[in-house]
N, C-alpha and C. Protein backbone atom coordinates (compact mmCIF):
# COMPACT_ATOMS: atom_id res chain seq x y z
N MET A 1 -15.81 -4.14 16.65
CA MET A 1 -14.84 -4.44 15.79
C MET A 1 -14.29 -3.09 15.14
N GLU A 2 -15.07 -2.20 14.86
CA GLU A 2 -14.62 -0.91 14.25
C GLU A 2 -13.91 -0.16 15.26
N SER A 3 -14.06 -0.11 16.50
CA SER A 3 -13.51 0.46 17.42
C SER A 3 -12.19 -0.03 17.59
N ALA A 4 -12.03 -1.26 17.68
CA ALA A 4 -10.79 -2.07 17.97
C ALA A 4 -9.94 -1.69 16.67
N MET A 5 -10.44 -1.84 15.67
CA MET A 5 -9.40 -1.60 14.37
C MET A 5 -9.10 0.04 14.38
N ALA A 6 -9.99 0.89 14.84
CA ALA A 6 -9.61 2.33 14.89
C ALA A 6 -8.53 2.61 15.89
N GLN A 7 -8.55 1.96 17.01
CA GLN A 7 -7.48 2.00 18.01
C GLN A 7 -6.06 1.64 17.49
N ALA A 8 -6.23 0.38 16.73
CA ALA A 8 -5.00 -0.15 16.26
C ALA A 8 -4.41 0.75 15.15
N ASP A 9 -5.17 1.27 14.35
CA ASP A 9 -4.76 2.19 13.32
C ASP A 9 -4.13 3.36 13.73
N SER A 10 -4.68 3.80 14.92
CA SER A 10 -4.23 5.10 15.45
C SER A 10 -2.91 4.87 16.37
N ASN A 11 -2.94 3.91 17.11
CA ASN A 11 -1.85 3.71 18.17
C ASN A 11 -1.07 2.35 17.99
N GLY A 12 -1.34 1.65 16.98
CA GLY A 12 -0.55 0.43 16.88
C GLY A 12 -1.17 -0.80 17.59
N ILE A 13 -0.91 -1.98 17.06
CA ILE A 13 -1.54 -3.13 17.58
C ILE A 13 -1.01 -3.36 19.14
N HIS A 14 0.12 -3.07 19.44
CA HIS A 14 0.54 -3.29 20.83
C HIS A 14 -0.26 -2.51 21.81
N ALA A 15 -0.78 -1.33 21.38
CA ALA A 15 -1.53 -0.52 22.39
C ALA A 15 -2.90 -1.02 22.57
N LEU A 16 -3.20 -2.01 21.77
CA LEU A 16 -4.74 -2.48 21.83
C LEU A 16 -4.73 -3.53 23.02
N SER A 17 -5.72 -3.23 23.91
CA SER A 17 -5.82 -4.23 24.90
C SER A 17 -7.41 -4.39 25.11
N MET A 18 -7.92 -5.55 25.77
CA MET A 18 -9.30 -5.62 25.99
C MET A 18 -9.81 -4.55 26.88
N ARG A 19 -8.94 -4.23 27.82
CA ARG A 19 -9.48 -3.15 28.88
C ARG A 19 -9.52 -1.98 28.23
N LYS A 20 -8.79 -1.53 27.47
CA LYS A 20 -8.73 -0.18 26.70
C LYS A 20 -10.10 -0.08 25.75
N LEU A 21 -10.15 -1.25 25.10
CA LEU A 21 -11.37 -1.35 24.12
C LEU A 21 -12.54 -1.27 24.86
N ALA A 22 -12.61 -1.93 25.91
CA ALA A 22 -13.92 -1.89 26.84
C ALA A 22 -14.26 -0.45 27.27
N GLY A 23 -13.00 0.34 27.64
CA GLY A 23 -13.19 1.64 28.13
C GLY A 23 -13.64 2.62 26.93
N THR A 24 -13.32 2.36 25.81
CA THR A 24 -13.75 3.10 24.68
C THR A 24 -15.23 2.90 24.29
N LEU A 25 -15.60 1.73 24.69
CA LEU A 25 -17.01 1.11 24.36
C LEU A 25 -17.93 1.55 25.51
N GLY A 26 -17.23 2.03 26.60
CA GLY A 26 -18.13 2.41 27.84
C GLY A 26 -18.66 1.16 28.55
N VAL A 27 -18.04 0.07 28.48
CA VAL A 27 -18.45 -1.16 29.29
C VAL A 27 -17.36 -1.65 30.00
N GLU A 28 -17.61 -2.58 31.16
CA GLU A 28 -16.60 -3.20 31.94
C GLU A 28 -15.99 -4.38 30.96
N ALA A 29 -14.57 -4.46 31.29
CA ALA A 29 -13.85 -5.44 30.55
C ALA A 29 -14.39 -6.94 30.56
N MET A 30 -14.96 -7.23 31.70
CA MET A 30 -15.53 -8.50 31.81
C MET A 30 -16.77 -8.75 30.96
N SER A 31 -17.43 -7.54 30.80
CA SER A 31 -18.74 -7.69 29.80
C SER A 31 -18.23 -8.01 28.44
N LEU A 32 -17.00 -7.43 27.95
CA LEU A 32 -16.60 -7.60 26.59
C LEU A 32 -16.07 -8.99 26.52
N TYR A 33 -15.49 -9.65 27.53
CA TYR A 33 -15.09 -10.99 27.42
C TYR A 33 -16.33 -12.01 27.21
N HIS A 34 -17.46 -11.69 27.49
CA HIS A 34 -18.65 -12.49 27.30
C HIS A 34 -18.85 -12.55 25.78
N HIS A 35 -18.40 -11.60 24.88
CA HIS A 35 -18.50 -11.61 23.43
C HIS A 35 -17.30 -12.06 22.78
N ILE A 36 -16.22 -11.61 23.42
CA ILE A 36 -15.00 -12.06 22.68
C ILE A 36 -14.01 -12.69 23.78
N SER A 37 -13.52 -13.77 23.70
CA SER A 37 -13.13 -14.64 24.91
C SER A 37 -11.72 -14.07 25.26
N SER A 38 -10.96 -13.52 24.25
CA SER A 38 -9.58 -13.25 24.54
C SER A 38 -8.98 -12.25 23.54
N ARG A 39 -7.79 -11.57 23.78
CA ARG A 39 -7.29 -10.72 22.88
C ARG A 39 -6.89 -11.45 21.46
N GLU A 40 -6.47 -12.67 21.60
CA GLU A 40 -6.08 -13.48 20.37
C GLU A 40 -7.28 -13.78 19.45
N VAL A 41 -8.42 -13.90 20.02
CA VAL A 41 -9.62 -14.10 19.35
C VAL A 41 -10.01 -12.72 18.65
N LEU A 42 -9.84 -11.66 19.38
CA LEU A 42 -9.96 -10.29 18.88
C LEU A 42 -9.13 -10.06 17.63
N LEU A 43 -7.82 -10.44 17.72
CA LEU A 43 -6.84 -10.35 16.57
C LEU A 43 -7.33 -11.14 15.32
N ASP A 44 -7.81 -12.28 15.67
CA ASP A 44 -8.49 -13.24 14.57
C ASP A 44 -9.40 -12.45 13.88
N LEU A 45 -10.39 -11.84 14.57
CA LEU A 45 -11.46 -11.21 14.00
C LEU A 45 -11.12 -9.82 13.24
N MET A 46 -10.19 -9.25 13.65
CA MET A 46 -9.70 -7.92 13.07
C MET A 46 -9.01 -8.36 11.79
N VAL A 47 -8.18 -9.42 11.79
CA VAL A 47 -7.44 -9.92 10.63
C VAL A 47 -8.64 -10.30 9.52
N ASP A 48 -9.48 -11.08 9.99
CA ASP A 48 -10.54 -11.60 9.08
C ASP A 48 -11.22 -10.29 8.39
N ARG A 49 -11.65 -9.29 9.16
CA ARG A 49 -12.29 -8.07 8.64
C ARG A 49 -11.30 -7.31 7.48
N VAL A 50 -9.97 -7.30 7.83
CA VAL A 50 -9.01 -6.81 6.90
C VAL A 50 -9.07 -7.48 5.47
N PHE A 51 -9.07 -8.95 5.59
CA PHE A 51 -9.15 -9.69 4.37
C PHE A 51 -10.52 -9.30 3.68
N GLU A 52 -11.56 -9.33 4.50
CA GLU A 52 -12.81 -8.86 3.72
C GLU A 52 -12.76 -7.49 2.99
N GLU A 53 -12.02 -6.58 3.50
CA GLU A 53 -11.77 -5.27 2.89
C GLU A 53 -11.01 -5.40 1.73
N MET A 54 -9.91 -6.44 1.65
CA MET A 54 -9.10 -6.50 0.48
C MET A 54 -9.69 -7.33 -0.67
N THR A 55 -10.97 -7.88 -0.46
CA THR A 55 -11.53 -8.66 -1.51
C THR A 55 -12.03 -7.85 -2.64
N VAL A 56 -11.84 -8.23 -3.93
CA VAL A 56 -12.44 -7.56 -5.01
C VAL A 56 -13.17 -8.78 -5.80
N GLY A 57 -13.82 -8.38 -6.77
CA GLY A 57 -14.56 -9.35 -7.50
C GLY A 57 -13.69 -10.08 -8.53
N GLY A 58 -14.13 -11.26 -9.03
CA GLY A 58 -13.26 -12.11 -9.95
C GLY A 58 -13.07 -11.25 -11.14
N PRO A 59 -12.12 -12.02 -11.93
CA PRO A 59 -11.58 -11.27 -13.25
C PRO A 59 -12.53 -11.19 -14.46
N GLU A 60 -13.94 -11.50 -14.25
CA GLU A 60 -14.98 -11.47 -15.33
C GLU A 60 -14.82 -10.27 -16.08
N GLY A 61 -14.68 -10.36 -17.36
CA GLY A 61 -14.65 -9.22 -18.24
C GLY A 61 -13.39 -8.44 -18.32
N GLN A 62 -12.18 -9.05 -17.71
CA GLN A 62 -10.95 -8.32 -17.84
C GLN A 62 -9.93 -9.36 -17.87
N ASN A 63 -8.70 -9.15 -18.37
CA ASN A 63 -7.71 -10.35 -18.28
C ASN A 63 -7.02 -10.50 -16.96
N TRP A 64 -6.39 -11.61 -16.78
CA TRP A 64 -6.05 -11.87 -15.44
C TRP A 64 -4.89 -10.87 -14.90
N LYS A 65 -4.15 -10.22 -15.82
CA LYS A 65 -3.16 -9.23 -15.52
C LYS A 65 -3.78 -7.99 -14.95
N SER A 66 -4.86 -7.44 -15.54
CA SER A 66 -5.59 -6.29 -15.04
C SER A 66 -6.26 -6.65 -13.72
N TRP A 67 -6.80 -7.76 -13.72
CA TRP A 67 -7.38 -8.22 -12.39
C TRP A 67 -6.23 -8.37 -11.32
N LEU A 68 -5.19 -8.78 -11.48
CA LEU A 68 -4.25 -8.97 -10.53
C LEU A 68 -3.74 -7.46 -10.10
N VAL A 69 -3.64 -6.61 -10.93
CA VAL A 69 -3.11 -5.29 -10.77
C VAL A 69 -4.25 -4.54 -9.81
N ALA A 70 -5.49 -4.76 -10.16
CA ALA A 70 -6.58 -4.24 -9.45
C ALA A 70 -6.56 -4.72 -7.98
N LEU A 71 -6.44 -6.17 -7.83
CA LEU A 71 -6.25 -6.72 -6.44
C LEU A 71 -5.27 -6.19 -5.66
N SER A 72 -3.88 -6.29 -6.34
CA SER A 72 -2.72 -5.68 -5.54
C SER A 72 -2.83 -4.32 -5.05
N SER A 73 -3.45 -3.38 -5.97
CA SER A 73 -3.71 -2.13 -5.56
C SER A 73 -4.68 -1.99 -4.42
N ARG A 74 -5.74 -2.75 -4.43
CA ARG A 74 -6.71 -2.86 -3.29
C ARG A 74 -6.10 -3.33 -2.02
N MET A 75 -5.09 -4.27 -2.19
CA MET A 75 -4.40 -4.78 -1.00
C MET A 75 -3.43 -3.72 -0.43
N ARG A 76 -2.81 -2.95 -1.23
CA ARG A 76 -2.01 -1.91 -0.79
C ARG A 76 -2.79 -0.82 0.00
N THR A 77 -3.86 -0.46 -0.67
CA THR A 77 -4.73 0.57 -0.01
C THR A 77 -5.23 0.17 1.30
N VAL A 78 -5.62 -1.00 1.48
CA VAL A 78 -6.14 -1.51 2.77
C VAL A 78 -5.05 -1.63 3.81
N LEU A 79 -3.92 -2.07 3.33
CA LEU A 79 -2.76 -2.21 4.33
C LEU A 79 -2.20 -0.87 4.76
N ILE A 80 -2.13 0.14 3.93
CA ILE A 80 -1.83 1.45 4.23
C ILE A 80 -2.82 2.12 5.37
N ARG A 81 -4.08 1.70 5.08
CA ARG A 81 -5.13 2.05 6.14
C ARG A 81 -4.93 1.43 7.38
N HIS A 82 -4.46 0.08 7.40
CA HIS A 82 -4.25 -0.68 8.56
C HIS A 82 -2.88 -1.23 8.77
N PRO A 83 -2.05 -0.30 8.99
CA PRO A 83 -0.57 -0.67 9.01
C PRO A 83 -0.16 -1.73 9.94
N TRP A 84 -0.93 -1.79 10.96
CA TRP A 84 -0.65 -3.05 11.96
C TRP A 84 -0.87 -4.34 11.43
N ALA A 85 -1.66 -4.51 10.26
CA ALA A 85 -2.15 -5.78 9.84
C ALA A 85 -1.01 -6.49 8.95
N VAL A 86 -0.09 -5.75 8.55
CA VAL A 86 0.95 -6.44 7.66
C VAL A 86 1.65 -7.62 8.37
N GLY A 87 1.99 -7.48 9.57
CA GLY A 87 2.62 -8.46 10.39
C GLY A 87 1.81 -9.55 10.85
N LEU A 88 0.50 -9.38 10.78
CA LEU A 88 -0.34 -10.34 11.27
C LEU A 88 -1.27 -11.32 10.25
N LEU A 89 -1.36 -10.86 9.07
CA LEU A 89 -2.26 -11.35 8.11
C LEU A 89 -1.91 -12.93 7.94
N ASP A 90 -0.82 -13.33 7.91
CA ASP A 90 -0.29 -14.71 7.72
C ASP A 90 -0.05 -15.47 9.01
N SER A 91 -0.31 -14.69 10.11
CA SER A 91 0.09 -15.35 11.47
C SER A 91 -1.02 -16.08 12.17
N ARG A 92 -2.34 -16.00 11.59
CA ARG A 92 -3.40 -16.52 12.51
C ARG A 92 -3.67 -17.98 12.17
N ARG A 93 -3.91 -18.68 13.31
CA ARG A 93 -4.09 -20.17 13.06
C ARG A 93 -5.59 -20.49 13.06
N ASN A 94 -6.50 -19.58 13.17
CA ASN A 94 -7.92 -19.77 13.17
C ASN A 94 -8.46 -18.94 12.15
N PRO A 95 -8.35 -19.14 10.76
CA PRO A 95 -8.86 -18.23 9.68
C PRO A 95 -10.29 -18.17 9.72
N GLY A 96 -10.95 -16.96 9.52
CA GLY A 96 -12.41 -16.76 9.56
C GLY A 96 -12.90 -16.83 8.12
N PRO A 97 -14.09 -16.73 8.06
CA PRO A 97 -14.63 -16.83 6.55
C PRO A 97 -14.26 -15.67 5.68
N GLY A 98 -13.98 -14.59 6.05
CA GLY A 98 -13.48 -13.45 5.44
C GLY A 98 -12.09 -13.97 4.69
N THR A 99 -11.25 -14.42 5.63
CA THR A 99 -9.86 -14.80 5.12
C THR A 99 -10.07 -15.98 4.13
N LEU A 100 -10.84 -17.05 4.30
CA LEU A 100 -11.00 -18.13 3.48
C LEU A 100 -11.60 -17.82 2.19
N SER A 101 -12.59 -17.02 2.18
CA SER A 101 -13.16 -16.43 0.99
C SER A 101 -12.32 -15.64 -0.03
N TYR A 102 -11.48 -14.83 0.67
CA TYR A 102 -10.46 -13.96 -0.02
C TYR A 102 -9.47 -14.91 -0.63
N GLN A 103 -8.87 -15.89 0.01
CA GLN A 103 -7.83 -16.69 -0.58
C GLN A 103 -8.52 -17.60 -1.56
N ASN A 104 -9.61 -18.13 -1.38
CA ASN A 104 -10.33 -18.87 -2.37
C ASN A 104 -10.48 -18.11 -3.69
N ALA A 105 -11.08 -16.86 -3.50
CA ALA A 105 -11.31 -16.20 -4.71
C ALA A 105 -10.07 -15.81 -5.45
N ARG A 106 -8.94 -15.52 -4.73
CA ARG A 106 -7.66 -15.42 -5.55
C ARG A 106 -7.26 -16.54 -6.22
N LEU A 107 -7.19 -17.68 -5.70
CA LEU A 107 -6.94 -18.94 -6.31
C LEU A 107 -7.80 -19.10 -7.48
N GLY A 108 -9.20 -19.09 -7.37
CA GLY A 108 -10.18 -19.15 -8.25
C GLY A 108 -10.08 -18.36 -9.64
N GLY A 109 -9.63 -16.95 -9.27
CA GLY A 109 -9.51 -16.08 -10.48
C GLY A 109 -8.38 -16.73 -11.22
N LEU A 110 -7.36 -17.20 -10.69
CA LEU A 110 -6.21 -17.42 -11.46
C LEU A 110 -6.40 -18.90 -12.23
N ARG A 111 -7.21 -19.68 -11.48
CA ARG A 111 -7.45 -21.00 -11.92
C ARG A 111 -8.38 -20.89 -13.23
N ASN A 112 -9.29 -20.02 -13.03
CA ASN A 112 -10.29 -19.78 -14.05
C ASN A 112 -9.60 -19.07 -15.37
N ALA A 113 -8.47 -18.41 -15.08
CA ALA A 113 -7.89 -17.78 -16.26
C ALA A 113 -6.82 -18.60 -16.93
N GLY A 114 -6.84 -20.03 -16.44
CA GLY A 114 -6.05 -21.02 -16.96
C GLY A 114 -4.68 -21.43 -16.22
N PHE A 115 -4.38 -20.79 -15.02
CA PHE A 115 -3.16 -21.13 -14.30
C PHE A 115 -3.36 -22.53 -13.80
N SER A 116 -2.25 -23.21 -13.86
CA SER A 116 -2.27 -24.51 -13.05
C SER A 116 -2.39 -24.12 -11.50
N MET A 117 -2.75 -25.22 -10.77
CA MET A 117 -2.81 -24.87 -9.28
C MET A 117 -1.29 -24.52 -8.84
N ASP A 118 -0.25 -25.23 -9.23
CA ASP A 118 1.14 -24.80 -8.96
C ASP A 118 1.44 -23.45 -9.23
N LEU A 119 1.14 -23.08 -10.42
CA LEU A 119 1.57 -21.58 -10.79
C LEU A 119 0.67 -20.63 -10.04
N ALA A 120 -0.62 -20.97 -9.84
CA ALA A 120 -1.42 -20.08 -8.97
C ALA A 120 -1.08 -19.83 -7.68
N ALA A 121 -0.60 -21.01 -7.01
CA ALA A 121 0.13 -20.79 -5.67
C ALA A 121 1.34 -20.08 -5.62
N HIS A 122 2.22 -20.25 -6.73
CA HIS A 122 3.39 -19.35 -6.78
C HIS A 122 2.91 -18.05 -6.99
N ALA A 123 2.03 -17.69 -7.65
CA ALA A 123 1.50 -16.25 -8.02
C ALA A 123 1.03 -15.63 -6.72
N ILE A 124 0.17 -16.26 -5.91
CA ILE A 124 -0.41 -15.50 -4.72
C ILE A 124 0.85 -15.32 -3.82
N ALA A 125 1.63 -16.26 -3.71
CA ALA A 125 2.82 -16.08 -2.74
C ALA A 125 3.72 -14.83 -3.10
N LEU A 126 3.93 -14.77 -4.49
CA LEU A 126 4.71 -13.68 -5.21
C LEU A 126 4.08 -12.43 -4.94
N GLN A 127 2.85 -12.35 -5.14
CA GLN A 127 1.90 -11.17 -4.91
C GLN A 127 1.95 -10.65 -3.56
N ASP A 128 1.83 -11.56 -2.49
CA ASP A 128 1.88 -11.30 -1.10
C ASP A 128 3.32 -10.58 -0.73
N SER A 129 4.39 -11.35 -1.28
CA SER A 129 5.79 -10.85 -1.01
C SER A 129 5.90 -9.37 -1.50
N PHE A 130 5.38 -9.30 -2.70
CA PHE A 130 5.76 -7.94 -3.41
C PHE A 130 4.85 -6.84 -2.40
N VAL A 131 3.57 -7.12 -2.28
CA VAL A 131 2.79 -6.00 -1.69
C VAL A 131 2.99 -5.82 -0.35
N TYR A 132 3.10 -6.87 0.51
CA TYR A 132 3.47 -6.70 1.89
C TYR A 132 4.92 -5.86 1.90
N GLY A 133 5.86 -6.37 1.20
CA GLY A 133 7.21 -5.76 1.46
C GLY A 133 7.25 -4.35 1.00
N TYR A 134 6.40 -3.96 -0.15
CA TYR A 134 6.37 -2.74 -0.62
C TYR A 134 5.72 -1.76 0.43
N VAL A 135 4.60 -2.16 0.98
CA VAL A 135 3.97 -1.41 2.10
C VAL A 135 4.73 -1.19 3.24
N VAL A 136 5.47 -2.16 3.63
CA VAL A 136 6.35 -2.03 4.85
C VAL A 136 7.24 -0.88 4.59
N GLN A 137 8.02 -0.92 3.30
CA GLN A 137 8.82 0.05 2.93
C GLN A 137 8.28 1.42 2.72
N GLU A 138 7.00 1.40 2.35
CA GLU A 138 6.39 2.75 1.85
C GLU A 138 6.03 3.35 3.29
N LEU A 139 5.59 2.71 4.28
CA LEU A 139 5.26 3.21 5.50
C LEU A 139 6.52 3.81 6.36
N ALA A 140 7.62 3.12 6.08
CA ALA A 140 8.77 3.50 6.87
C ALA A 140 9.58 4.63 6.25
N LEU A 141 9.26 5.04 5.12
CA LEU A 141 10.09 6.02 4.38
C LEU A 141 9.93 7.33 5.17
N PRO A 142 11.19 8.00 5.16
CA PRO A 142 11.11 9.43 6.08
C PRO A 142 10.73 10.52 5.37
N PHE A 143 9.96 10.34 4.30
CA PHE A 143 9.33 11.41 3.50
C PHE A 143 7.84 10.94 3.22
N GLU A 144 7.04 11.90 2.85
CA GLU A 144 5.59 11.71 2.78
C GLU A 144 5.19 11.73 1.30
N ASP A 145 4.19 10.82 1.10
CA ASP A 145 3.51 10.60 -0.26
C ASP A 145 4.57 10.11 -1.28
N GLY A 146 5.64 9.51 -0.92
CA GLY A 146 6.57 9.05 -1.86
C GLY A 146 7.48 10.04 -2.57
N GLU A 147 7.19 11.33 -2.25
CA GLU A 147 7.87 12.38 -2.86
C GLU A 147 9.14 12.79 -1.96
N VAL A 148 10.32 12.78 -2.69
CA VAL A 148 11.60 13.08 -1.88
C VAL A 148 12.02 14.50 -1.79
N ASP A 149 12.21 14.87 -0.60
CA ASP A 149 12.50 16.35 -0.33
C ASP A 149 14.01 16.40 -0.26
N LEU A 150 14.56 17.23 -1.20
CA LEU A 150 15.97 17.25 -1.33
C LEU A 150 16.75 17.62 0.05
N GLU A 151 16.05 18.46 0.81
CA GLU A 151 16.56 18.74 2.16
C GLU A 151 16.61 17.54 3.07
N GLU A 152 15.71 16.62 2.86
CA GLU A 152 15.68 15.48 3.68
C GLU A 152 16.82 14.36 3.04
N LEU A 153 17.38 14.68 1.96
CA LEU A 153 18.43 13.86 1.53
C LEU A 153 19.79 14.35 2.06
N GLN A 154 19.79 15.41 2.70
CA GLN A 154 21.08 16.05 3.09
C GLN A 154 21.75 15.17 3.95
N GLY A 155 21.17 14.57 5.11
CA GLY A 155 21.77 13.69 5.83
C GLY A 155 22.38 12.59 5.21
N PHE A 156 21.73 11.95 4.21
CA PHE A 156 22.31 10.80 3.44
C PHE A 156 23.58 11.37 2.77
N GLN A 157 23.42 12.45 2.09
CA GLN A 157 24.55 13.03 1.26
C GLN A 157 25.72 13.36 2.21
N ASN A 158 25.61 13.77 3.47
CA ASN A 158 26.64 14.08 4.23
C ASN A 158 27.24 12.75 4.65
N ALA A 159 26.59 11.65 4.80
CA ALA A 159 27.22 10.46 5.13
C ALA A 159 28.09 9.82 4.15
N MET A 160 27.94 10.33 2.74
CA MET A 160 28.63 9.76 1.81
C MET A 160 29.77 10.69 1.24
N GLN A 161 30.04 11.66 2.05
CA GLN A 161 31.16 12.67 1.50
C GLN A 161 32.46 12.07 1.54
N SER A 162 32.68 10.85 2.07
CA SER A 162 34.00 10.31 2.20
C SER A 162 34.36 9.86 0.74
N GLY A 163 33.37 9.55 -0.16
CA GLY A 163 33.62 8.88 -1.42
C GLY A 163 33.89 7.47 -1.35
N GLU A 164 33.50 6.85 -0.27
CA GLU A 164 33.60 5.32 -0.08
C GLU A 164 32.35 4.61 -0.57
N TYR A 165 31.51 5.25 -1.22
CA TYR A 165 30.20 4.65 -1.59
C TYR A 165 29.63 5.08 -2.82
N PRO A 166 30.63 5.01 -3.95
CA PRO A 166 30.49 5.57 -5.21
C PRO A 166 29.02 5.17 -5.97
N TYR A 167 28.70 3.95 -5.60
CA TYR A 167 27.47 3.48 -6.37
C TYR A 167 26.10 4.09 -5.76
N LEU A 168 26.18 4.31 -4.23
CA LEU A 168 25.02 4.75 -3.66
C LEU A 168 25.09 6.34 -4.16
N GLN A 169 26.21 6.87 -4.27
CA GLN A 169 26.23 8.34 -4.70
C GLN A 169 25.72 8.45 -5.93
N GLU A 170 25.95 7.62 -6.79
CA GLU A 170 25.60 7.59 -8.21
C GLU A 170 24.05 7.33 -8.31
N MET A 171 23.55 6.59 -7.42
CA MET A 171 22.10 6.40 -7.46
C MET A 171 21.44 7.74 -6.94
N VAL A 172 21.91 8.16 -5.75
CA VAL A 172 21.37 9.44 -5.36
C VAL A 172 21.40 10.61 -6.42
N ASP A 173 22.67 10.76 -6.98
CA ASP A 173 22.72 11.90 -8.00
C ASP A 173 21.84 11.69 -9.42
N GLN A 174 21.78 10.40 -9.81
CA GLN A 174 21.17 10.14 -11.02
C GLN A 174 19.65 9.72 -10.94
N VAL A 175 19.22 9.21 -9.85
CA VAL A 175 17.77 8.87 -9.79
C VAL A 175 17.02 9.57 -8.62
N VAL A 176 17.40 9.44 -7.40
CA VAL A 176 16.67 10.04 -6.30
C VAL A 176 16.47 11.47 -6.26
N SER A 177 17.64 12.10 -6.74
CA SER A 177 17.68 13.55 -6.66
C SER A 177 16.96 14.21 -7.75
N ARG A 178 16.51 13.54 -8.79
CA ARG A 178 15.84 14.10 -9.89
C ARG A 178 14.46 14.80 -9.33
N LYS A 179 14.15 15.87 -9.95
CA LYS A 179 12.89 16.60 -9.42
C LYS A 179 11.55 15.71 -9.79
N ASP A 180 11.67 14.91 -10.70
CA ASP A 180 10.42 14.08 -11.03
C ASP A 180 10.41 12.85 -10.43
N TYR A 181 11.35 12.45 -9.55
CA TYR A 181 11.53 11.22 -8.86
C TYR A 181 10.46 11.07 -7.75
N SER A 182 9.82 9.78 -7.88
CA SER A 182 8.71 9.53 -6.77
C SER A 182 8.99 8.04 -6.48
N PHE A 183 9.02 7.72 -5.22
CA PHE A 183 9.14 6.40 -4.82
C PHE A 183 7.95 5.50 -5.34
N HIS A 184 6.63 6.22 -5.59
CA HIS A 184 5.65 5.49 -5.90
C HIS A 184 5.83 4.78 -7.37
N ARG A 185 6.80 5.34 -8.14
CA ARG A 185 7.00 4.72 -9.45
C ARG A 185 7.63 3.19 -9.16
N GLU A 186 8.25 2.89 -8.00
CA GLU A 186 8.66 1.74 -7.97
C GLU A 186 7.62 0.69 -7.63
N TRP A 187 6.45 1.12 -7.46
CA TRP A 187 5.16 0.19 -7.35
C TRP A 187 4.88 -0.16 -8.74
N ASP A 188 4.68 0.73 -9.70
CA ASP A 188 4.42 0.34 -11.02
C ASP A 188 5.43 -0.49 -11.72
N TYR A 189 6.82 -0.18 -11.40
CA TYR A 189 7.97 -0.98 -11.95
C TYR A 189 7.85 -2.42 -11.52
N GLY A 190 7.68 -2.59 -10.20
CA GLY A 190 7.51 -3.83 -9.61
C GLY A 190 6.41 -4.70 -10.05
N MET A 191 5.19 -3.91 -10.13
CA MET A 191 4.12 -4.64 -10.83
C MET A 191 4.37 -5.21 -12.13
N LYS A 192 5.00 -4.36 -13.04
CA LYS A 192 5.40 -4.74 -14.30
C LYS A 192 6.27 -6.03 -14.36
N MET A 193 7.16 -6.05 -13.40
CA MET A 193 8.15 -7.01 -13.45
C MET A 193 7.53 -8.37 -12.85
N LEU A 194 6.47 -8.26 -11.88
CA LEU A 194 5.76 -9.36 -11.38
C LEU A 194 4.93 -10.02 -12.46
N LEU A 195 4.24 -9.12 -13.23
CA LEU A 195 3.27 -9.62 -14.26
C LEU A 195 4.20 -10.22 -15.42
N ALA A 196 5.38 -9.61 -15.76
CA ALA A 196 6.14 -10.13 -16.89
C ALA A 196 6.55 -11.56 -16.48
N GLY A 197 7.00 -11.84 -15.15
CA GLY A 197 7.59 -13.12 -14.75
C GLY A 197 6.43 -14.11 -14.85
N LEU A 198 5.23 -13.65 -14.33
CA LEU A 198 4.01 -14.73 -14.35
C LEU A 198 3.53 -15.02 -15.71
N GLU A 199 3.52 -13.99 -16.50
CA GLU A 199 3.05 -14.22 -17.86
C GLU A 199 3.98 -15.08 -18.59
N SER A 200 5.31 -14.96 -18.46
CA SER A 200 6.40 -15.92 -19.04
C SER A 200 6.17 -17.46 -18.54
N GLN A 201 5.97 -17.51 -17.31
CA GLN A 201 5.75 -18.84 -16.78
C GLN A 201 4.48 -19.43 -17.26
N PHE A 202 3.27 -18.58 -17.26
CA PHE A 202 1.98 -18.98 -17.77
C PHE A 202 2.11 -19.50 -19.24
N GLU A 203 2.78 -18.78 -20.03
CA GLU A 203 2.90 -19.16 -21.51
C GLU A 203 3.76 -20.47 -21.55
N GLN A 204 4.63 -20.65 -20.92
CA GLN A 204 5.48 -21.92 -20.86
C GLN A 204 4.76 -23.12 -20.46
N SER A 205 3.81 -22.70 -19.57
CA SER A 205 2.99 -24.05 -19.04
C SER A 205 1.78 -24.56 -19.97
N LYS A 206 1.49 -23.62 -20.95
CA LYS A 206 0.59 -24.14 -21.81
C LYS A 206 0.87 -25.28 -22.75
């Protein structure tokens, strides 16, 4: 499993095949099929391992907001490590014990904090949407570590020289071009908004 995940981490999920994996392990492909019956089964196992890596303990000793932030940060870290997983996590039809334990723990943490089941379900859907979406954007950015290089903005600036995009120009000038700007701040801001929305709904539901 470690070898399969390492290959996917390095080369992408589409480059992973049973034959290539068997070659890496120094065995014949048919020998591998005796243990894992198909590539789809392999993907199921890999996704289950990712969910195991994302699991954190329950919110004992901390409030639900701190726990949700810790869990979201863990999700982000794991998905950055395994970028191929973002598009696969919710696609598997045969969830394994790691997947089921992870989802059960998330719901349990929120239910034990006083969330209704409806609100807990909304909360984990919202959390997934934010974390998955943020990671996709973070991985796709044309600059490293969330730090904007002004030279890298030059192409963007050149495309706006016509003056037809005043609001984009304003954002670049007033936000993105600042020396202290980092895209990683959007993570903190997004988490604050997510928590504020959930807290409002939580208080109204009491």
